[in-house]
Amino acid sequence: MISKETNFDFMGKRKIAAVFSLLLVVISLGSLAVKGLVLGLDFTGGTLVEVEYAQAPKIDDVRQRLFDAGYDKLTVQNFGAETSVLVRLSQGFSDKVGEEVLTALQAGGANVSLKRAEYVGAQVGEELREQGGLGLLFALGVVMLYVAMRFQLKFSVGAVIALAHDVIITLGVFSLFSLDFDLTVLAALLAVIGYSLNDTIIVFDRVRENFRKMRKGSSEEIINESLNQTLSRTLMTSATTMLVLVALFIFGGDMIHGFAVALLLGIFVGTYSSIYVASNGLLSMGIVKEDLMVPVKEDEVNDLP
C-alpha cells in the first residue's frame, strides 16, 4: 500500500479544469490577435526621456498630456521614486526631443526638469522575433521527443500541451493588461518553460512508478494517487521560488519588474498545469497500465513454470 499525505480528488474535477484552461487560452489568444504585445524598446528601438517632478504626478495625466502633444506611441512609468518619470517613445532620436517632451509636460504649469534623453537601439527586431518563434517551436519538439523517449508518446503530448498552455496564458496576460514585453520578459518566459517542464517530469515519474506498482485501481485513481504524493513537493518548490520573486518584484526596481511579474505568473500557471493540464492530457489520451508495463524478456518467459 502506497502512503500519501493528502487525498484530493484532482481528476474528479478535470472536466471543470479543462473548461477553465480552455477559456483562459481562448481569451489569451484573442487578446494576442486583437491587441498584440506592447513591445519594449529592446524590440523596437526609440527614444528614452527621463524627467523629474517637484511633486509626484499622476501617470495617466502625464500620458494624456503627451498624447495631446502628438506623441501617440509611448509608454510612461515611474522610475524609482514617484517623482521620477520615464517616457519611452517609438520615434527616432534627435537633439531636441528631450526639450520637446519637457516643454509639453511644462505646458500645464508643472515644475518638471529634464534628467536625460537618449536613443535606445533595437537589440532585437523582426528577424529575431521570427527566429524566436521558430526556436520556441523547435524547443517544444525537442521536449516532446525527450519525454517520449523517457516515458511514452502519450506523456510527451501531455507535457507539450501543458507547456503551450503556460506560454500562451502568460503572453495573454501581458497582452490583455498592456504590460511591456522586453528582453527580460522573454528571458522569464524561457525560464517558465524550464520550470514547468521540470515540475511535470516529477509528476510523470511518480505516475509511471505507480502504474507499475499498483495492481488495483483505474487510471484516474492511480494518477490521483501520484498527484497527492507529489503535491507537497510541488507546493513547497513553488512557494519558495515565489518568495524570492516577490522580493524581486518589491525591491528589484523597475528594470526587472516585468521579469518578476512574468515569472510569478508563469510559476503559478505552471504549477496548475502540472496537476491539471498534463495529467488531464494523459487521461484524455486513454493512458492504461499496459502502456507502461516493463516488457518481459524471452528468457524470463521460458523460465516460467
Protein backbone atom coordinates (compact mmCIF):
# COMPACT_ATOMS: atom_id res chain seq x y z
CA MET A 1 0.00 0.00 0.00
CA ILE A 2 1.48 3.35 -1.00
CA SER A 3 1.10 6.03 1.63
CA LYS A 4 0.15 9.56 0.86
CA GLU A 5 -0.24 12.75 2.81
CA THR A 6 -3.35 14.10 1.09
CA ASN A 7 -6.38 12.63 -0.62
CA PHE A 8 -7.65 15.28 -3.04
CA ASP A 9 -9.74 14.13 -5.98
CA PHE A 10 -7.86 16.17 -8.58
CA MET A 11 -9.00 14.16 -11.57
CA GLY A 12 -12.59 14.24 -10.41
CA LYS A 13 -12.55 17.95 -11.27
CA ARG A 14 -10.65 17.50 -14.52
CA LYS A 15 -13.58 18.49 -16.76
CA ILE A 16 -14.09 21.75 -14.88
CA ALA A 17 -10.33 22.41 -15.04
CA ALA A 18 -10.30 21.66 -18.77
CA VAL A 19 -13.10 24.18 -19.44
CA PHE A 20 -11.33 26.77 -17.27
CA SER A 21 -8.00 26.26 -19.05
CA LEU A 22 -9.63 26.37 -22.47
CA LEU A 23 -11.38 29.62 -21.56
CA LEU A 24 -8.09 31.21 -20.43
CA VAL A 25 -6.31 30.07 -23.60
CA VAL A 26 -9.10 31.43 -25.84
CA ILE A 27 -9.07 34.79 -24.04
CA SER A 28 -5.28 34.94 -24.27
CA LEU A 29 -5.21 34.10 -27.97
CA GLY A 30 -7.99 36.62 -28.62
CA SER A 31 -6.09 39.37 -26.85
CA LEU A 32 -2.87 38.49 -28.68
CA ALA A 33 -4.71 38.58 -32.01
CA VAL A 34 -6.55 41.85 -31.34
CA LYS A 35 -4.19 43.84 -29.12
CA GLY A 36 -0.89 42.10 -29.62
CA LEU A 37 2.04 42.68 -27.29
CA VAL A 38 3.36 46.04 -26.15
CA LEU A 39 6.92 45.56 -27.34
CA GLY A 40 9.59 47.37 -25.37
CA LEU A 41 12.37 49.45 -26.83
CA ASP A 42 14.58 46.35 -26.80
CA PHE A 43 12.50 45.14 -29.73
CA THR A 44 11.50 48.36 -31.45
CA GLY A 45 14.21 50.91 -30.67
CA GLY A 46 13.35 54.56 -30.00
CA THR A 47 13.93 57.37 -27.56
CA LEU A 48 14.02 57.32 -23.79
CA VAL A 49 13.38 60.50 -21.80
CA GLU A 50 13.60 60.74 -18.00
CA VAL A 51 12.13 63.74 -16.19
CA GLU A 52 11.93 64.74 -12.53
CA TYR A 53 8.86 66.37 -10.98
CA ALA A 54 8.88 68.54 -7.88
CA GLN A 55 5.75 66.70 -6.72
CA ALA A 56 4.67 63.19 -7.68
CA PRO A 57 2.42 63.42 -10.76
CA LYS A 58 -0.38 61.12 -11.89
CA ILE A 59 0.97 58.83 -14.60
CA ASP A 60 -2.32 59.00 -16.51
CA ASP A 61 -2.10 62.81 -16.60
CA VAL A 62 1.47 62.68 -17.90
CA ARG A 63 0.48 60.18 -20.57
CA GLN A 64 -2.54 62.22 -21.64
CA ARG A 65 -0.51 65.43 -21.88
CA LEU A 66 1.97 63.72 -24.18
CA PHE A 67 -0.85 62.27 -26.26
CA ASP A 68 -2.28 65.76 -26.65
CA ALA A 69 1.16 66.95 -27.78
CA GLY A 70 1.12 64.40 -30.62
CA TYR A 71 3.08 61.50 -29.14
CA ASP A 72 0.85 58.56 -29.91
CA LYS A 73 3.15 55.53 -29.41
CA LEU A 74 4.70 55.78 -25.98
CA THR A 75 4.90 54.23 -22.54
CA VAL A 76 5.04 56.20 -19.31
CA GLN A 77 6.03 54.79 -15.93
CA ASN A 78 7.61 55.73 -12.64
CA PHE A 79 11.31 55.06 -12.46
CA GLY A 80 12.49 54.56 -8.89
CA ALA A 81 10.96 57.45 -6.95
CA GLU A 82 7.36 58.56 -7.51
CA THR A 83 8.62 61.95 -8.71
CA SER A 84 10.80 60.38 -11.40
CA VAL A 85 9.03 59.55 -14.67
CA LEU A 86 10.40 57.54 -17.58
CA VAL A 87 8.95 58.18 -21.04
CA ARG A 88 9.66 55.78 -23.88
CA LEU A 89 8.94 56.99 -27.39
CA SER A 90 8.95 54.86 -30.52
CA GLN A 91 10.18 57.75 -32.66
CA GLY A 92 13.82 58.21 -33.64
CA PHE A 93 16.19 60.27 -31.53
CA SER A 94 17.02 63.92 -32.15
CA ASP A 95 18.89 66.54 -30.16
CA LYS A 96 15.65 68.41 -29.46
CA VAL A 97 13.38 65.53 -28.45
CA GLY A 98 14.16 65.86 -24.75
CA GLU A 99 13.39 69.58 -24.72
CA GLU A 100 10.22 68.99 -26.75
CA VAL A 101 8.91 66.45 -24.26
CA LEU A 102 9.85 68.73 -21.37
CA THR A 103 8.00 71.66 -22.98
CA ALA A 104 4.88 69.51 -23.44
CA LEU A 105 4.93 68.47 -19.80
CA GLN A 106 5.53 72.02 -18.55
CA ALA A 107 2.57 73.36 -20.56
CA GLY A 108 0.21 72.71 -17.63
CA GLY A 109 2.38 74.63 -15.21
CA ALA A 110 4.10 71.59 -13.72
CA ASN A 111 7.51 72.03 -12.11
CA VAL A 112 9.49 69.42 -14.04
CA SER A 113 13.10 69.16 -15.17
CA LEU A 114 14.88 67.02 -17.74
CA LYS A 115 17.31 64.41 -16.41
CA ARG A 116 18.30 62.59 -19.59
CA ALA A 117 17.29 61.90 -23.17
CA GLU A 118 18.94 59.16 -25.18
CA TYR A 119 18.44 56.82 -28.10
CA VAL A 120 17.84 53.17 -27.37
CA GLY A 121 18.73 50.94 -30.30
CA ALA A 122 16.72 47.84 -31.10
CA GLN A 123 18.69 44.89 -29.78
CA VAL A 124 16.29 42.51 -31.45
CA GLY A 125 13.96 43.09 -34.33
CA GLU A 126 11.67 41.35 -36.76
CA GLU A 127 14.29 38.75 -37.68
CA LEU A 128 14.91 37.76 -34.07
CA ARG A 129 11.17 37.63 -33.33
CA GLU A 130 10.73 35.18 -36.18
CA GLN A 131 13.76 33.17 -35.08
CA GLY A 132 12.49 33.21 -31.52
CA GLY A 133 9.14 31.80 -32.61
CA LEU A 134 10.81 29.07 -34.64
CA GLY A 135 13.16 28.38 -31.74
CA LEU A 136 10.23 28.01 -29.38
CA LEU A 137 8.54 25.53 -31.71
CA PHE A 138 11.83 23.64 -32.06
CA ALA A 139 12.20 23.53 -28.26
CA LEU A 140 8.68 22.12 -27.87
CA GLY A 141 9.52 19.48 -30.49
CA VAL A 142 12.71 18.50 -28.64
CA VAL A 143 10.79 18.33 -25.36
CA MET A 144 8.19 16.11 -26.98
CA LEU A 145 10.90 13.79 -28.31
CA TYR A 146 12.73 13.68 -24.96
CA VAL A 147 9.62 12.88 -22.93
CA ALA A 148 8.53 10.27 -25.49
CA MET A 149 11.91 8.54 -25.17
CA ARG A 150 11.98 8.75 -21.39
CA PHE A 151 8.35 7.83 -20.80
CA GLN A 152 5.89 7.19 -23.62
CA LEU A 153 4.33 9.13 -26.50
CA LYS A 154 1.17 9.95 -24.56
CA PHE A 155 3.31 11.56 -21.83
CA SER A 156 5.13 13.71 -24.37
CA VAL A 157 1.89 15.05 -25.83
CA GLY A 158 0.63 15.89 -22.34
CA ALA A 159 3.87 17.70 -21.47
CA VAL A 160 3.87 19.80 -24.66
CA ILE A 161 0.20 20.73 -24.19
CA ALA A 162 0.99 21.91 -20.65
CA LEU A 163 3.98 23.97 -21.82
CA ALA A 164 1.99 25.59 -24.64
CA HIS A 165 -0.80 26.32 -22.13
CA ASP A 166 1.64 28.11 -19.79
CA VAL A 167 3.28 30.17 -22.53
CA ILE A 168 0.00 31.26 -24.14
CA ILE A 169 -1.60 32.33 -20.85
CA THR A 170 1.50 34.24 -19.71
CA LEU A 171 1.68 36.07 -23.03
CA GLY A 172 -2.07 36.64 -22.90
CA VAL A 173 -1.86 38.40 -19.54
CA PHE A 174 0.89 40.69 -20.84
CA SER A 175 -1.25 41.46 -23.89
CA LEU A 176 -4.53 41.88 -22.01
CA PHE A 177 -3.10 44.31 -19.46
CA SER A 178 -0.76 46.03 -21.94
CA LEU A 179 2.37 45.20 -19.95
CA ASP A 180 5.72 45.91 -21.59
CA PHE A 181 7.24 42.88 -23.28
CA ASP A 182 11.00 43.30 -23.38
CA LEU A 183 14.10 41.11 -23.25
CA THR A 184 13.78 40.45 -19.52
CA VAL A 185 10.24 39.17 -20.01
CA LEU A 186 11.42 36.96 -22.88
CA ALA A 187 14.09 35.51 -20.60
CA ALA A 188 11.46 34.91 -17.90
CA LEU A 189 9.24 33.15 -20.43
CA LEU A 190 12.04 30.72 -21.29
CA ALA A 191 12.61 30.14 -17.57
CA VAL A 192 8.90 29.39 -17.14
CA ILE A 193 9.15 26.69 -19.81
CA GLY A 194 12.05 25.07 -17.95
CA TYR A 195 10.32 25.30 -14.57
CA SER A 196 7.01 23.92 -15.84
CA LEU A 197 8.73 21.05 -17.64
CA ASN A 198 10.70 20.09 -14.54
CA ASP A 199 7.54 20.09 -12.43
CA THR A 200 5.70 17.98 -15.00
CA ILE A 201 8.56 15.45 -15.20
CA ILE A 202 8.41 14.98 -11.41
CA VAL A 203 4.70 14.17 -11.61
CA PHE A 204 5.19 11.89 -14.62
CA ASP A 205 7.94 9.95 -12.83
CA ARG A 206 5.57 9.15 -9.98
CA VAL A 207 2.72 8.32 -12.38
CA ARG A 208 4.90 5.81 -14.22
CA GLU A 209 6.11 4.29 -10.96
CA ASN A 210 2.60 3.88 -9.61
CA PHE A 211 1.22 2.43 -12.83
CA ARG A 212 3.81 -0.33 -12.47
CA LYS A 213 3.47 -0.86 -8.70
CA MET A 214 -0.24 -0.56 -8.03
CA ARG A 215 -2.10 -3.71 -9.05
CA LYS A 216 -5.56 -2.31 -8.44
CA GLY A 217 -7.22 0.94 -9.37
CA SER A 218 -8.27 2.74 -12.52
CA SER A 219 -6.02 5.11 -14.45
CA GLU A 220 -7.81 8.05 -12.84
CA GLU A 221 -7.23 6.66 -9.33
CA ILE A 222 -3.54 5.98 -9.98
CA ILE A 223 -2.96 9.49 -11.37
CA ASN A 224 -4.80 10.94 -8.36
CA GLU A 225 -2.55 8.90 -6.06
CA SER A 226 0.54 10.18 -7.87
CA LEU A 227 -0.58 13.82 -7.72
CA ASN A 228 -1.27 13.59 -4.00
CA GLN A 229 2.13 12.04 -3.37
CA THR A 230 3.96 14.82 -5.22
CA LEU A 231 1.70 17.67 -4.06
CA SER A 232 3.76 18.71 -1.02
CA ARG A 233 6.96 18.78 -3.08
CA THR A 234 5.27 20.78 -5.85
CA LEU A 235 3.78 23.35 -3.48
CA MET A 236 6.95 23.78 -1.43
CA THR A 237 9.06 24.32 -4.54
CA SER A 238 6.58 26.84 -5.94
CA ALA A 239 6.21 28.67 -2.62
CA THR A 240 9.94 29.09 -2.01
CA THR A 241 10.52 30.24 -5.58
CA MET A 242 7.67 32.74 -5.34
CA LEU A 243 9.10 34.19 -2.12
CA VAL A 244 12.26 35.14 -3.97
CA LEU A 245 10.28 36.57 -6.89
CA VAL A 246 8.04 38.62 -4.60
CA ALA A 247 11.18 40.13 -3.10
CA LEU A 248 12.45 40.93 -6.61
CA PHE A 249 9.09 42.41 -7.53
CA ILE A 250 9.00 44.69 -4.48
CA PHE A 251 12.67 45.63 -4.12
CA GLY A 252 14.20 44.86 -7.52
CA GLY A 253 13.27 48.14 -9.17
CA ASP A 254 11.55 48.91 -12.45
CA MET A 255 14.23 47.38 -14.65
CA ILE A 256 13.29 43.80 -13.64
CA HIS A 257 9.66 44.47 -12.80
CA GLY A 258 8.42 42.71 -15.94
CA PHE A 259 10.80 39.79 -15.34
CA ALA A 260 9.41 39.22 -11.84
CA VAL A 261 5.80 39.55 -12.99
CA ALA A 262 6.28 37.06 -15.83
CA LEU A 263 7.98 34.51 -13.58
CA LEU A 264 5.40 34.86 -10.79
CA LEU A 265 2.60 34.38 -13.26
CA GLY A 266 4.39 31.56 -15.08
CA ILE A 267 5.18 29.59 -11.93
CA PHE A 268 1.60 29.87 -10.71
CA VAL A 269 0.20 28.73 -14.08
CA GLY A 270 2.93 26.08 -14.43
CA THR A 271 2.09 24.54 -11.06
CA TYR A 272 -1.57 24.41 -12.03
CA SER A 273 -0.80 22.88 -15.44
CA SER A 274 1.41 20.17 -13.95
CA ILE A 275 -1.56 18.99 -11.91
CA TYR A 276 -4.49 19.53 -14.24
CA VAL A 277 -3.31 20.05 -17.82
CA ALA A 278 -0.53 17.47 -18.22
CA SER A 279 -2.24 14.77 -16.15
CA ASN A 280 -5.60 15.54 -17.71
CA GLY A 281 -3.98 15.06 -21.09
CA LEU A 282 -2.87 11.57 -20.10
CA LEU A 283 -6.40 10.55 -19.20
CA SER A 284 -7.81 12.15 -22.35
CA MET A 285 -5.46 10.01 -24.46
CA GLY A 286 -6.51 6.85 -22.63
CA ILE A 287 -3.36 6.01 -20.68
CA VAL A 288 -3.54 2.46 -19.26
CA LYS A 289 -1.21 0.19 -17.29
CA GLU A 290 -0.26 -1.77 -20.41
CA ASP A 291 1.36 1.38 -21.85
CA LEU A 292 3.93 1.41 -19.06
CA MET A 293 4.46 -2.24 -18.26
CA VAL A 294 8.11 -3.35 -18.46
CA PRO A 295 8.41 -5.79 -21.39
CA VAL A 296 9.02 -9.37 -20.29
CA LYS A 297 12.24 -10.80 -21.69
CA GLU A 298 12.12 -14.06 -23.66
CA ASP A 299 14.41 -15.81 -21.14
CA GLU A 300 12.06 -14.90 -18.31
CA VAL A 301 9.11 -16.29 -20.25
CA ASN A 302 10.91 -19.59 -20.78
CA ASP A 303 11.70 -19.86 -17.07
CA LEU A 304 8.03 -19.64 -16.14
CA PRO A 305 6.59 -23.00 -14.87
